[in-house]
Structure formats: C-alpha cells, structure tokens
Amino acid sequence: MKTILSNIALLALMAAVLVLADPLGLIRGADKYPSGSISRAEGLQNWQTFYAVASHPRCVNCHADSRPMWSGPSYGATRPHGMNVQGGESRSGAETLPCSTCHAALPAQNPEANRLPHTAPRIADAWQMAPREAAWFGRSSREICEQLKDPARNGDRTIAEVAAHIGHDLVLRWAWAPGGTREPAPHSLAETQDALLKWGAAGTPCPG
C-alpha cells in the first residue's frame, strides 16, 4: 500500500512540475498533434484560422515596418499612426517618441484600464511594435505563411514556440481583450494556439 501511495504521490508531483514548466500546455499540445497527424487540407484550414487573427487590425497594426498603423472600422481610412510615431530600431519608439508616452505600463494587468474609448491601450508591460522581421502589414496570406514558418523571421522559434509566444506576450494577449469599443481579434487565444499547432503538425502548408 505504501508503494502504491508513493507512486501516486510521485505521479502527482511530476504532473505539477509539467504544468509549471508548461503552463500553456503547449508541450502536451504538441504531443497531441504529432507531425503528420493532421492532413494538408486540415492544416490549410487551420492556417486560415490563424491568418484571420494575424491580419486583424488588433494584430496587424503593430506588425508594420517603420510606423504602426491605424486601420479597421474604428479608424476610418487606413493610415499611419498619428503624431508621426516611429517604431525605430528599438521597436518601442525610444529613438523619437516612446510608445510609453501614451501607452504607459500598468503596475498589474487590469481589465478596467482600457474600458474608456479613444484612450491609448495599456498593459502591464512595455508597449512596442513587433520586430521588423515580423512586419507583415499589407502582405498576403501566403506571404505571411512563408514568413511565420521561417526561423530567420520568427525569432528562431518552432511553431509550438510561436504558439507559446502568443500566450505569454501581454501585447499579443491584449488583442483578444482590447477594451472600449475596439473590436477584439477573432476566435480565442486557445483556438489560435490550437490552430497553429495543427498547422505545424500538417507540415506548415501555405495557400497557393
């Protein structure tokens, strides 16, 4: 009996360690969708799920080259961010007008902080644009697809690591809870991560 109880305790400890090491379940998710377990057709469907997120204004506006963009229904005509905001090499505007001038960091995540319309959104982290190699504003689904699976342009990440990045980066997570009258990104964070994992398991196919 003692041996059985010891084994149960050991299994529980191992499970707890796994959750701490992999809080988003992405290691377990990758095991759920091993390479080749998803068909190319299903992989392309899951890519379209992710592309709907990647091309949405909540995401793509900061995946631009030199300047963040204003696009989407709440902005009217698509145009560069006002006040001549430049991402610069820092991608946070440090060289000219820092993003934090308006997007000041919160001491802690607070869903109430972004409820007022027409105010600069804030998170409990530094607000910044995506790295220049991840700029894809105005690019096609195929172009973004090829870009995302290229380690030289995705931060040298596997697809599972890209999915993990979406889950722990507070700027990216904000896209699904932008507050005010802003339209959130489609699907959910979990659905987006799942779509990426399935697309990866299918061999990262890109649309023609």
N, C-alpha and C. Protein backbone atom coordinates (compact mmCIF):
# COMPACT_ATOMS: atom_id res chain seq x y z
N MET A 1 0.83 -1.21 0.00
CA MET A 1 0.00 0.00 0.00
C MET A 1 0.87 1.26 0.00
N LYS A 2 1.95 1.22 0.83
CA LYS A 2 2.83 2.38 0.88
C LYS A 2 3.47 2.66 -0.47
N THR A 3 3.82 1.55 -1.17
CA THR A 3 4.42 1.70 -2.50
C THR A 3 3.45 2.33 -3.47
N ILE A 4 2.20 1.92 -3.43
CA ILE A 4 1.17 2.47 -4.31
C ILE A 4 0.97 3.95 -4.03
N LEU A 5 0.89 4.30 -2.73
CA LEU A 5 0.70 5.70 -2.36
C LEU A 5 1.91 6.54 -2.77
N SER A 6 3.09 5.96 -2.63
CA SER A 6 4.30 6.68 -3.03
C SER A 6 4.31 6.93 -4.53
N ASN A 7 3.89 5.94 -5.30
CA ASN A 7 3.83 6.08 -6.76
C ASN A 7 2.81 7.13 -7.17
N ILE A 8 1.67 7.14 -6.49
CA ILE A 8 0.63 8.14 -6.79
C ILE A 8 1.16 9.54 -6.49
N ALA A 9 1.83 9.67 -5.35
CA ALA A 9 2.40 10.98 -4.98
C ALA A 9 3.45 11.43 -5.99
N LEU A 10 4.26 10.48 -6.47
CA LEU A 10 5.29 10.80 -7.45
C LEU A 10 4.66 11.25 -8.76
N LEU A 11 3.61 10.57 -9.19
CA LEU A 11 2.91 10.95 -10.43
C LEU A 11 2.29 12.34 -10.30
N ALA A 12 1.71 12.61 -9.13
CA ALA A 12 1.11 13.93 -8.91
C ALA A 12 2.17 15.02 -8.94
N LEU A 13 3.34 14.73 -8.35
CA LEU A 13 4.43 15.70 -8.35
C LEU A 13 4.93 15.95 -9.77
N MET A 14 5.06 14.87 -10.56
CA MET A 14 5.51 15.01 -11.95
C MET A 14 4.52 15.82 -12.76
N ALA A 15 3.22 15.60 -12.52
CA ALA A 15 2.19 16.36 -13.23
C ALA A 15 2.27 17.84 -12.86
N ALA A 16 2.50 18.12 -11.58
CA ALA A 16 2.60 19.52 -11.14
C ALA A 16 3.81 20.20 -11.76
N VAL A 17 4.94 19.48 -11.82
CA VAL A 17 6.14 20.04 -12.43
C VAL A 17 5.90 20.33 -13.90
N LEU A 18 5.20 19.44 -14.60
CA LEU A 18 4.92 19.64 -16.01
C LEU A 18 4.05 20.87 -16.23
N VAL A 19 3.07 21.07 -15.38
CA VAL A 19 2.19 22.24 -15.50
C VAL A 19 2.99 23.52 -15.27
N LEU A 20 3.90 23.49 -14.28
CA LEU A 20 4.72 24.67 -14.01
C LEU A 20 5.68 24.96 -15.16
N ALA A 21 6.23 23.91 -15.75
CA ALA A 21 7.18 24.08 -16.85
C ALA A 21 6.48 24.41 -18.15
N ASP A 22 5.23 24.03 -18.24
CA ASP A 22 4.48 24.20 -19.49
C ASP A 22 3.08 24.70 -19.17
N PRO A 23 2.96 25.93 -18.60
CA PRO A 23 1.66 26.41 -18.12
C PRO A 23 0.61 26.54 -19.19
N LEU A 24 1.02 26.70 -20.45
CA LEU A 24 0.04 26.84 -21.53
C LEU A 24 -0.31 25.51 -22.16
N GLY A 25 0.32 24.44 -21.71
CA GLY A 25 0.01 23.12 -22.24
C GLY A 25 0.54 22.88 -23.64
N LEU A 26 1.55 23.64 -24.05
CA LEU A 26 1.99 23.53 -25.44
C LEU A 26 2.86 22.30 -25.69
N ILE A 27 3.61 21.86 -24.67
CA ILE A 27 4.35 20.61 -24.83
C ILE A 27 3.36 19.47 -24.98
N ARG A 28 2.35 19.48 -24.12
CA ARG A 28 1.31 18.45 -24.21
C ARG A 28 0.51 18.62 -25.49
N GLY A 29 0.30 19.86 -25.93
CA GLY A 29 -0.43 20.10 -27.18
C GLY A 29 0.33 19.58 -28.38
N ALA A 30 1.67 19.77 -28.36
CA ALA A 30 2.49 19.27 -29.46
C ALA A 30 2.41 17.75 -29.50
N ASP A 31 2.37 17.12 -28.33
CA ASP A 31 2.22 15.66 -28.29
C ASP A 31 0.86 15.24 -28.83
N LYS A 32 -0.13 16.08 -28.62
CA LYS A 32 -1.48 15.78 -29.08
C LYS A 32 -1.56 15.79 -30.60
N TYR A 33 -0.75 16.62 -31.23
CA TYR A 33 -0.74 16.73 -32.69
C TYR A 33 0.67 16.43 -33.21
N PRO A 34 1.08 15.17 -33.18
CA PRO A 34 2.42 14.85 -33.68
C PRO A 34 2.53 15.11 -35.18
N SER A 35 3.74 15.29 -35.63
CA SER A 35 3.99 15.58 -37.04
C SER A 35 3.34 14.53 -37.94
N GLY A 36 2.58 14.99 -38.93
CA GLY A 36 1.93 14.09 -39.87
C GLY A 36 0.55 13.63 -39.45
N SER A 37 0.12 14.00 -38.24
CA SER A 37 -1.20 13.54 -37.76
C SER A 37 -2.35 14.38 -38.30
N ILE A 38 -2.03 15.52 -38.91
CA ILE A 38 -3.04 16.41 -39.49
C ILE A 38 -2.83 16.45 -41.00
N SER A 39 -3.91 16.32 -41.76
CA SER A 39 -3.79 16.34 -43.21
C SER A 39 -3.45 17.73 -43.73
N ARG A 40 -2.95 17.79 -44.95
CA ARG A 40 -2.60 19.08 -45.54
C ARG A 40 -3.85 19.96 -45.65
N ALA A 41 -4.97 19.36 -46.05
CA ALA A 41 -6.20 20.14 -46.19
C ALA A 41 -6.63 20.74 -44.86
N GLU A 42 -6.55 19.93 -43.79
CA GLU A 42 -6.92 20.44 -42.47
C GLU A 42 -5.90 21.47 -41.99
N GLY A 43 -4.64 21.25 -42.35
CA GLY A 43 -3.61 22.21 -42.00
C GLY A 43 -3.87 23.56 -42.62
N LEU A 44 -4.29 23.57 -43.89
CA LEU A 44 -4.61 24.83 -44.57
C LEU A 44 -5.81 25.51 -43.93
N GLN A 45 -6.80 24.71 -43.50
CA GLN A 45 -7.96 25.29 -42.81
C GLN A 45 -7.52 25.96 -41.52
N ASN A 46 -6.61 25.32 -40.80
CA ASN A 46 -6.12 25.90 -39.54
C ASN A 46 -5.25 27.10 -39.79
N TRP A 47 -4.53 27.11 -40.92
CA TRP A 47 -3.77 28.31 -41.26
C TRP A 47 -4.73 29.48 -41.46
N GLN A 48 -5.85 29.25 -42.13
CA GLN A 48 -6.81 30.32 -42.36
C GLN A 48 -7.37 30.86 -41.05
N THR A 49 -7.54 29.97 -40.07
CA THR A 49 -7.97 30.42 -38.74
C THR A 49 -6.94 31.38 -38.15
N PHE A 50 -5.67 31.00 -38.24
CA PHE A 50 -4.63 31.88 -37.71
C PHE A 50 -4.51 33.16 -38.52
N TYR A 51 -4.61 33.05 -39.84
CA TYR A 51 -4.48 34.24 -40.70
C TYR A 51 -5.56 35.27 -40.39
N ALA A 52 -6.76 34.80 -40.05
CA ALA A 52 -7.83 35.73 -39.67
C ALA A 52 -7.43 36.56 -38.47
N VAL A 53 -6.63 35.99 -37.58
CA VAL A 53 -6.12 36.71 -36.42
C VAL A 53 -4.96 37.61 -36.81
N ALA A 54 -3.99 37.04 -37.54
CA ALA A 54 -2.78 37.78 -37.89
C ALA A 54 -3.06 39.00 -38.75
N SER A 55 -4.12 38.95 -39.55
CA SER A 55 -4.44 40.06 -40.45
C SER A 55 -5.47 41.01 -39.86
N HIS A 56 -5.93 40.73 -38.65
CA HIS A 56 -6.92 41.59 -37.99
C HIS A 56 -6.23 42.86 -37.48
N PRO A 57 -6.92 44.00 -37.51
CA PRO A 57 -6.30 45.25 -37.04
C PRO A 57 -5.68 45.18 -35.65
N ARG A 58 -6.28 44.40 -34.72
CA ARG A 58 -5.71 44.32 -33.38
C ARG A 58 -4.30 43.75 -33.40
N CYS A 59 -3.97 42.99 -34.43
CA CYS A 59 -2.64 42.39 -34.52
C CYS A 59 -1.78 43.09 -35.57
N VAL A 60 -2.33 43.24 -36.77
CA VAL A 60 -1.51 43.68 -37.89
C VAL A 60 -1.07 45.14 -37.78
N ASN A 61 -1.81 45.96 -37.04
CA ASN A 61 -1.45 47.38 -36.96
C ASN A 61 -0.05 47.61 -36.38
N CYS A 62 0.39 46.70 -35.51
CA CYS A 62 1.74 46.82 -34.95
C CYS A 62 2.74 45.87 -35.60
N HIS A 63 2.27 45.08 -36.57
CA HIS A 63 3.17 44.25 -37.37
C HIS A 63 3.47 44.99 -38.67
N ALA A 64 3.90 46.22 -38.52
CA ALA A 64 4.21 47.07 -39.67
C ALA A 64 5.71 47.32 -39.72
N ASP A 65 6.16 48.01 -40.76
CA ASP A 65 7.58 48.20 -40.98
C ASP A 65 8.14 49.28 -40.05
N SER A 66 8.03 50.54 -40.47
CA SER A 66 8.64 51.63 -39.69
C SER A 66 7.67 52.28 -38.71
N ARG A 67 6.40 52.37 -39.11
CA ARG A 67 5.40 53.06 -38.30
C ARG A 67 4.24 52.15 -38.01
N PRO A 68 3.71 52.17 -36.78
CA PRO A 68 2.46 51.45 -36.52
C PRO A 68 1.34 52.07 -37.35
N MET A 69 0.32 51.26 -37.61
CA MET A 69 -0.76 51.72 -38.47
C MET A 69 -2.06 51.88 -37.69
N TRP A 70 -2.94 52.69 -38.26
CA TRP A 70 -4.32 52.77 -37.80
C TRP A 70 -5.18 52.21 -38.92
N SER A 71 -5.83 51.09 -38.66
CA SER A 71 -6.72 50.50 -39.66
C SER A 71 -7.87 49.82 -38.94
N GLY A 72 -8.90 49.52 -39.69
CA GLY A 72 -10.08 48.89 -39.10
C GLY A 72 -11.25 49.85 -39.02
N PRO A 73 -12.44 49.34 -38.73
CA PRO A 73 -13.67 50.16 -38.74
C PRO A 73 -13.62 51.39 -37.85
N SER A 74 -12.95 51.29 -36.70
CA SER A 74 -12.96 52.42 -35.77
C SER A 74 -12.06 53.57 -36.21
N TYR A 75 -11.20 53.33 -37.22
CA TYR A 75 -10.27 54.36 -37.66
C TYR A 75 -10.65 55.01 -38.98
N GLY A 76 -11.66 54.48 -39.66
CA GLY A 76 -11.99 55.03 -40.97
C GLY A 76 -10.94 54.63 -41.99
N ALA A 77 -10.37 55.59 -42.70
CA ALA A 77 -9.36 55.30 -43.71
C ALA A 77 -8.08 54.77 -43.06
N THR A 78 -7.49 53.76 -43.69
CA THR A 78 -6.22 53.22 -43.20
C THR A 78 -5.12 54.25 -43.37
N ARG A 79 -4.33 54.45 -42.31
CA ARG A 79 -3.27 55.46 -42.36
C ARG A 79 -2.24 55.15 -41.27
N PRO A 80 -1.04 55.72 -41.38
CA PRO A 80 -0.05 55.53 -40.32
C PRO A 80 -0.54 56.14 -39.00
N HIS A 81 -0.05 55.62 -37.91
CA HIS A 81 -0.35 56.13 -36.58
C HIS A 81 -0.10 57.63 -36.54
N GLY A 82 -0.98 58.36 -35.88
CA GLY A 82 -0.83 59.80 -35.75
C GLY A 82 0.41 60.20 -34.97
N MET A 83 0.67 61.49 -34.92
CA MET A 83 1.78 62.08 -34.17
C MET A 83 3.16 61.63 -34.67
N ASN A 84 3.18 61.15 -35.91
CA ASN A 84 4.44 60.72 -36.54
C ASN A 84 5.20 59.70 -35.68
N VAL A 85 4.45 58.80 -35.07
CA VAL A 85 5.07 57.77 -34.23
C VAL A 85 5.91 56.85 -35.10
N GLN A 86 7.13 56.57 -34.66
CA GLN A 86 8.07 55.70 -35.37
C GLN A 86 8.52 54.58 -34.43
N GLY A 87 8.53 53.36 -34.94
CA GLY A 87 8.98 52.26 -34.11
C GLY A 87 10.47 52.29 -33.85
N GLY A 88 11.25 52.70 -34.87
CA GLY A 88 12.70 52.74 -34.74
C GLY A 88 13.30 51.35 -34.60
N GLU A 89 14.60 51.31 -34.42
CA GLU A 89 15.27 50.03 -34.22
C GLU A 89 14.86 49.38 -32.90
N SER A 90 14.50 50.18 -31.93
CA SER A 90 14.07 49.65 -30.63
C SER A 90 12.70 49.00 -30.72
N ARG A 91 11.92 49.40 -31.71
CA ARG A 91 10.52 48.98 -31.92
C ARG A 91 9.59 49.51 -30.83
N SER A 92 10.11 50.34 -29.95
CA SER A 92 9.29 50.94 -28.91
C SER A 92 9.29 52.46 -29.00
N GLY A 93 9.85 52.99 -30.10
CA GLY A 93 9.89 54.44 -30.29
C GLY A 93 10.90 55.17 -29.44
N ALA A 94 11.83 54.43 -28.83
CA ALA A 94 12.78 55.05 -27.91
C ALA A 94 13.62 56.14 -28.56
N GLU A 95 13.83 56.04 -29.88
CA GLU A 95 14.69 56.99 -30.56
C GLU A 95 14.00 58.34 -30.82
N THR A 96 12.67 58.36 -30.79
CA THR A 96 11.93 59.59 -31.09
C THR A 96 10.87 59.85 -30.01
N LEU A 97 9.68 59.32 -30.23
CA LEU A 97 8.60 59.46 -29.25
C LEU A 97 8.26 58.07 -28.72
N PRO A 98 8.65 57.74 -27.50
CA PRO A 98 8.42 56.39 -26.98
C PRO A 98 6.94 56.02 -26.94
N CYS A 99 6.65 54.78 -27.26
CA CYS A 99 5.26 54.29 -27.17
C CYS A 99 4.70 54.52 -25.77
N SER A 100 5.57 54.42 -24.77
CA SER A 100 5.14 54.55 -23.38
C SER A 100 4.66 55.95 -23.03
N THR A 101 4.89 56.93 -23.92
CA THR A 101 4.39 58.28 -23.66
C THR A 101 2.88 58.26 -23.46
N CYS A 102 2.21 57.47 -24.27
CA CYS A 102 0.75 57.31 -24.14
C CYS A 102 0.36 55.93 -23.62
N HIS A 103 1.08 54.91 -24.09
CA HIS A 103 0.79 53.53 -23.69
C HIS A 103 1.59 53.20 -22.43
N ALA A 104 1.39 53.96 -21.37
CA ALA A 104 2.16 53.77 -20.14
C ALA A 104 1.87 52.40 -19.53
N ALA A 105 2.91 51.76 -19.03
CA ALA A 105 2.76 50.42 -18.45
C ALA A 105 1.94 50.47 -17.17
N LEU A 106 1.08 49.49 -16.99
CA LEU A 106 0.29 49.36 -15.77
C LEU A 106 1.11 48.62 -14.72
N PRO A 107 0.86 48.88 -13.43
CA PRO A 107 1.56 48.12 -12.39
C PRO A 107 1.17 46.65 -12.37
N ALA A 108 -0.04 46.37 -12.86
CA ALA A 108 -0.54 44.99 -12.97
C ALA A 108 -1.65 44.98 -14.00
N GLN A 109 -1.90 43.80 -14.59
CA GLN A 109 -2.97 43.70 -15.56
C GLN A 109 -4.30 44.11 -14.92
N ASN A 110 -5.05 44.96 -15.62
CA ASN A 110 -6.31 45.47 -15.10
C ASN A 110 -7.28 45.64 -16.25
N PRO A 111 -8.28 44.76 -16.35
CA PRO A 111 -9.23 44.83 -17.47
C PRO A 111 -10.02 46.14 -17.52
N GLU A 112 -10.09 46.85 -16.38
CA GLU A 112 -10.82 48.11 -16.35
C GLU A 112 -10.03 49.24 -16.99
N ALA A 113 -8.73 49.08 -17.13
CA ALA A 113 -7.87 50.17 -17.58
C ALA A 113 -8.14 50.61 -19.01
N ASN A 114 -8.68 49.70 -19.83
CA ASN A 114 -8.87 50.02 -21.24
C ASN A 114 -10.34 50.14 -21.65
N ARG A 115 -11.20 50.40 -20.69
CA ARG A 115 -12.62 50.46 -21.00
C ARG A 115 -13.03 51.78 -21.66
N LEU A 116 -12.32 52.85 -21.36
CA LEU A 116 -12.70 54.14 -21.92
C LEU A 116 -12.36 54.19 -23.40
N PRO A 117 -13.30 54.64 -24.25
CA PRO A 117 -12.99 54.73 -25.68
C PRO A 117 -12.01 55.86 -25.97
N HIS A 118 -11.29 55.72 -27.07
CA HIS A 118 -10.38 56.77 -27.57
C HIS A 118 -9.21 57.06 -26.62
N THR A 119 -8.87 56.09 -25.79
CA THR A 119 -7.68 56.24 -24.96
C THR A 119 -6.65 55.21 -25.40
N ALA A 120 -5.38 55.54 -25.22
CA ALA A 120 -4.32 54.62 -25.62
C ALA A 120 -4.38 53.37 -24.74
N PRO A 121 -4.45 52.19 -25.33
CA PRO A 121 -4.50 50.97 -24.52
C PRO A 121 -3.22 50.77 -23.73
N ARG A 122 -3.36 50.10 -22.59
CA ARG A 122 -2.22 49.90 -21.69
C ARG A 122 -2.22 48.46 -21.18
N ILE A 123 -1.03 47.94 -20.95
CA ILE A 123 -0.85 46.61 -20.39
C ILE A 123 0.22 46.69 -19.29
N ALA A 124 0.41 45.59 -18.57
CA ALA A 124 1.42 45.58 -17.51
C ALA A 124 2.78 45.17 -18.09
N ASP A 125 3.17 45.85 -19.14
CA ASP A 125 4.44 45.59 -19.80
C ASP A 125 4.71 46.75 -20.75
N ALA A 126 5.88 46.75 -21.36
CA ALA A 126 6.21 47.81 -22.31
C ALA A 126 5.46 47.60 -23.63
N TRP A 127 4.82 48.65 -24.10
CA TRP A 127 4.11 48.59 -25.38
C TRP A 127 5.14 48.76 -26.50
N GLN A 128 5.08 47.92 -27.51
CA GLN A 128 6.03 48.04 -28.60
C GLN A 128 5.52 47.33 -29.85
N MET A 129 6.13 47.66 -30.98
CA MET A 129 5.80 47.02 -32.23
C MET A 129 6.46 45.63 -32.30
N ALA A 130 5.99 44.83 -33.23
CA ALA A 130 6.64 43.54 -33.49
C ALA A 130 8.02 43.79 -34.08
N PRO A 131 8.96 42.85 -33.93
CA PRO A 131 10.27 43.02 -34.58
C PRO A 131 10.13 43.27 -36.08
N ARG A 132 11.08 43.96 -36.64
CA ARG A 132 10.99 44.33 -38.06
C ARG A 132 10.85 43.11 -38.96
N GLU A 133 11.53 42.00 -38.60
CA GLU A 133 11.42 40.81 -39.44
C GLU A 133 10.03 40.17 -39.38
N ALA A 134 9.23 40.58 -38.40
CA ALA A 134 7.85 40.09 -38.28
C ALA A 134 6.84 41.09 -38.83
N ALA A 135 7.31 42.09 -39.56
CA ALA A 135 6.39 43.06 -40.17
C ALA A 135 5.67 42.39 -41.34
N TRP A 136 4.33 42.48 -41.34
CA TRP A 136 3.58 41.88 -42.45
C TRP A 136 2.32 42.67 -42.81
N PHE A 137 2.24 43.90 -42.36
CA PHE A 137 1.08 44.72 -42.72
C PHE A 137 0.98 44.80 -44.25
N GLY A 138 -0.21 44.50 -44.80
CA GLY A 138 -0.45 44.60 -46.23
C GLY A 138 0.00 43.40 -47.04
N ARG A 139 0.58 42.39 -46.38
CA ARG A 139 1.04 41.22 -47.12
C ARG A 139 -0.07 40.17 -47.24
N SER A 140 0.08 39.30 -48.22
CA SER A 140 -0.93 38.28 -48.49
C SER A 140 -0.84 37.14 -47.48
N SER A 141 -1.87 36.30 -47.49
CA SER A 141 -1.88 35.13 -46.62
C SER A 141 -0.66 34.25 -46.88
N ARG A 142 -0.35 34.01 -48.14
CA ARG A 142 0.80 33.17 -48.47
C ARG A 142 2.11 33.81 -47.98
N GLU A 143 2.26 35.10 -48.17
CA GLU A 143 3.49 35.78 -47.75
C GLU A 143 3.67 35.68 -46.24
N ILE A 144 2.59 35.88 -45.49
CA ILE A 144 2.69 35.80 -44.03
C ILE A 144 2.97 34.36 -43.60
N CYS A 145 2.36 33.41 -44.29
CA CYS A 145 2.57 31.99 -44.01
C CYS A 145 4.04 31.62 -44.16
N GLU A 146 4.62 31.99 -45.28
CA GLU A 146 6.04 31.70 -45.52
C GLU A 146 6.93 32.40 -44.49
N GLN A 147 6.53 33.58 -44.10
CA GLN A 147 7.29 34.37 -43.14
C GLN A 147 7.25 33.73 -41.75
N LEU A 148 6.07 33.30 -41.34
CA LEU A 148 5.90 32.80 -39.97
C LEU A 148 6.66 31.51 -39.73
N LYS A 149 6.80 30.67 -40.74
CA LYS A 149 7.48 29.39 -40.53
C LYS A 149 8.99 29.47 -40.77
N ASP A 150 9.48 30.64 -41.13
CA ASP A 150 10.90 30.84 -41.39
C ASP A 150 11.60 31.22 -40.08
N PRO A 151 12.46 30.37 -39.53
CA PRO A 151 13.12 30.70 -38.25
C PRO A 151 13.88 32.02 -38.28
N ALA A 152 14.36 32.41 -39.46
CA ALA A 152 15.09 33.68 -39.56
C ALA A 152 14.17 34.87 -39.38
N ARG A 153 12.86 34.64 -39.51
CA ARG A 153 11.92 35.76 -39.40
C ARG A 153 10.88 35.56 -38.31
N ASN A 154 10.98 34.48 -37.54
CA ASN A 154 10.00 34.28 -36.46
C ASN A 154 10.67 34.20 -35.08
N GLY A 155 11.90 34.73 -35.00
CA GLY A 155 12.60 34.70 -33.73
C GLY A 155 13.28 33.38 -33.45
N ASP A 156 13.57 32.61 -34.51
CA ASP A 156 14.20 31.30 -34.39
C ASP A 156 13.37 30.36 -33.53
N ARG A 157 12.06 30.37 -33.76
CA ARG A 157 11.13 29.56 -32.97
C ARG A 157 10.57 28.40 -33.79
N THR A 158 10.25 27.31 -33.11
CA THR A 158 9.42 26.27 -33.70
C THR A 158 7.98 26.79 -33.72
N ILE A 159 7.10 26.09 -34.41
CA ILE A 159 5.70 26.54 -34.43
C ILE A 159 5.08 26.44 -33.04
N ALA A 160 5.44 25.40 -32.29
CA ALA A 160 4.95 25.29 -30.91
C ALA A 160 5.43 26.46 -30.07
N GLU A 161 6.65 26.91 -30.32
CA GLU A 161 7.18 28.06 -29.58
C GLU A 161 6.51 29.36 -30.02
N VAL A 162 6.13 29.45 -31.29
CA VAL A 162 5.36 30.62 -31.74
C VAL A 162 4.02 30.65 -31.01
N ALA A 163 3.38 29.50 -30.91
CA ALA A 163 2.10 29.42 -30.19
C ALA A 163 2.27 29.81 -28.72
N ALA A 164 3.38 29.38 -28.11
CA ALA A 164 3.64 29.73 -26.72
C ALA A 164 3.85 31.24 -26.58
N HIS A 165 4.58 31.81 -27.53
CA HIS A 165 4.86 33.25 -27.52
C HIS A 165 3.56 34.06 -27.51
N ILE A 166 2.60 33.64 -28.32
CA ILE A 166 1.31 34.33 -28.37
C ILE A 166 0.64 34.30 -26.99
N GLY A 167 0.84 33.20 -26.29
CA GLY A 167 0.17 33.04 -25.00
C GLY A 167 0.77 33.84 -23.87
N HIS A 168 2.09 34.09 -23.91
CA HIS A 168 2.70 34.78 -22.76
C HIS A 168 3.04 36.24 -23.03
N ASP A 169 2.98 36.70 -24.27
CA ASP A 169 3.27 38.09 -24.58
C ASP A 169 2.02 38.93 -24.30
N LEU A 170 2.12 39.88 -23.37
CA LEU A 170 0.94 40.63 -22.95
C LEU A 170 0.40 41.54 -24.05
N VAL A 171 1.28 42.07 -24.90
CA VAL A 171 0.79 42.89 -26.02
C VAL A 171 -0.08 42.05 -26.93
N LEU A 172 0.35 40.82 -27.20
CA LEU A 172 -0.42 39.94 -28.08
C LEU A 172 -1.72 39.49 -27.42
N ARG A 173 -1.67 39.18 -26.16
CA ARG A 173 -2.89 38.74 -25.45
C ARG A 173 -3.93 39.86 -25.41
N TRP A 174 -3.46 41.11 -25.39
CA TRP A 174 -4.39 42.25 -25.37
C TRP A 174 -5.34 42.22 -26.57
N ALA A 175 -4.92 41.65 -27.69
CA ALA A 175 -5.73 41.64 -28.91
C ALA A 175 -7.11 41.02 -28.70
N TRP A 176 -7.21 40.09 -27.75
CA TRP A 176 -8.50 39.43 -27.51
C TRP A 176 -9.32 40.12 -26.41
N ALA A 177 -8.75 41.11 -25.76
CA ALA A 177 -9.47 41.87 -24.74
C ALA A 177 -9.03 43.32 -24.80
N PRO A 178 -9.30 44.00 -25.94
CA PRO A 178 -8.75 45.35 -26.13
C PRO A 178 -9.47 46.44 -25.37
N GLY A 179 -10.68 46.15 -24.89
CA GLY A 179 -11.41 47.14 -24.11
C GLY A 179 -12.04 48.24 -24.96
N GLY A 180 -12.85 49.07 -24.32
CA GLY A 180 -13.53 50.16 -25.00
C GLY A 180 -14.43 49.64 -26.10
N THR A 181 -14.47 50.35 -27.21
CA THR A 181 -15.29 49.93 -28.35
C THR A 181 -14.45 49.21 -29.40
N ARG A 182 -13.22 48.86 -29.07
CA ARG A 182 -12.35 48.19 -30.03
C ARG A 182 -12.85 46.77 -30.31
N GLU A 183 -12.81 46.37 -31.56
CA GLU A 183 -13.19 45.02 -31.93
C GLU A 183 -12.05 44.05 -31.59
N PRO A 184 -12.33 43.00 -30.83
CA PRO A 184 -11.26 42.06 -30.50
C PRO A 184 -10.87 41.20 -31.69
N ALA A 185 -9.72 40.60 -31.62
CA ALA A 185 -9.30 39.66 -32.65
C ALA A 185 -10.28 38.48 -32.68
N PRO A 186 -10.46 37.85 -33.84
CA PRO A 186 -11.41 36.74 -33.93
C PRO A 186 -10.91 35.48 -33.22
N HIS A 187 -11.84 34.53 -33.08
CA HIS A 187 -11.55 33.27 -32.40
C HIS A 187 -11.14 33.57 -30.96
N SER A 188 -10.40 32.72 -30.34
CA SER A 188 -9.91 32.95 -28.98
C SER A 188 -8.43 32.65 -28.96
N LEU A 189 -7.77 33.02 -27.87
CA LEU A 189 -6.35 32.72 -27.75
C LEU A 189 -6.11 31.22 -27.86
N ALA A 190 -6.90 30.42 -27.13
CA ALA A 190 -6.72 28.97 -27.15
C ALA A 190 -6.96 28.40 -28.54
N GLU A 191 -7.99 28.88 -29.22
CA GLU A 191 -8.28 28.41 -30.58
C GLU A 191 -7.15 28.78 -31.54
N THR A 192 -6.59 29.96 -31.36
CA THR A 192 -5.50 30.41 -32.22
C THR A 192 -4.26 29.55 -32.01
N GLN A 193 -3.93 29.28 -30.76
CA GLN A 193 -2.78 28.42 -30.47
C GLN A 193 -3.01 27.02 -31.02
N ASP A 194 -4.21 26.50 -30.85
CA ASP A 194 -4.53 25.17 -31.34
C ASP A 194 -4.40 25.11 -32.86
N ALA A 195 -4.87 26.15 -33.54
CA ALA A 195 -4.77 26.20 -35.00
C ALA A 195 -3.31 26.18 -35.44
N LEU A 196 -2.46 26.92 -34.74
CA LEU A 196 -1.03 26.93 -35.07
C LEU A 196 -0.41 25.54 -34.89
N LEU A 197 -0.75 24.87 -33.80
CA LEU A 197 -0.20 23.55 -33.55
C LEU A 197 -0.64 22.54 -34.61
N LYS A 198 -1.90 22.62 -35.02
CA LYS A 198 -2.39 21.72 -36.06
C LYS A 198 -1.74 22.04 -37.41
N TRP A 199 -1.59 23.31 -37.70
CA TRP A 199 -0.91 23.73 -38.94
C TRP A 199 0.52 23.20 -38.94
N GLY A 200 1.20 23.30 -37.80
CA GLY A 200 2.55 22.77 -37.69
C GLY A 200 2.60 21.27 -37.90
N ALA A 201 1.64 20.55 -37.30
CA ALA A 201 1.59 19.09 -37.43
C ALA A 201 1.33 18.66 -38.87
N ALA A 202 0.68 19.54 -39.64
CA ALA A 202 0.39 19.24 -41.05
C ALA A 202 1.58 19.55 -41.96
N GLY A 203 2.66 20.07 -41.39
CA GLY A 203 3.83 20.40 -42.20
C GLY A 203 3.89 21.84 -42.63
N THR A 204 3.14 22.72 -41.96
CA THR A 204 3.08 24.16 -42.26
C THR A 204 2.81 24.47 -43.74
N PRO A 205 1.73 23.90 -44.30
CA PRO A 205 1.41 24.20 -45.71
C PRO A 205 0.95 25.63 -45.88
N CYS A 206 1.25 26.22 -47.01
CA CYS A 206 0.84 27.59 -47.30
C CYS A 206 -0.15 27.60 -48.48
N PRO A 207 -1.10 28.53 -48.47
CA PRO A 207 -2.06 28.60 -49.57
C PRO A 207 -1.36 28.98 -50.87
N GLY A 208 -1.96 28.55 -51.98
CA GLY A 208 -1.38 28.83 -53.29
C GLY A 208 -1.62 30.26 -53.73
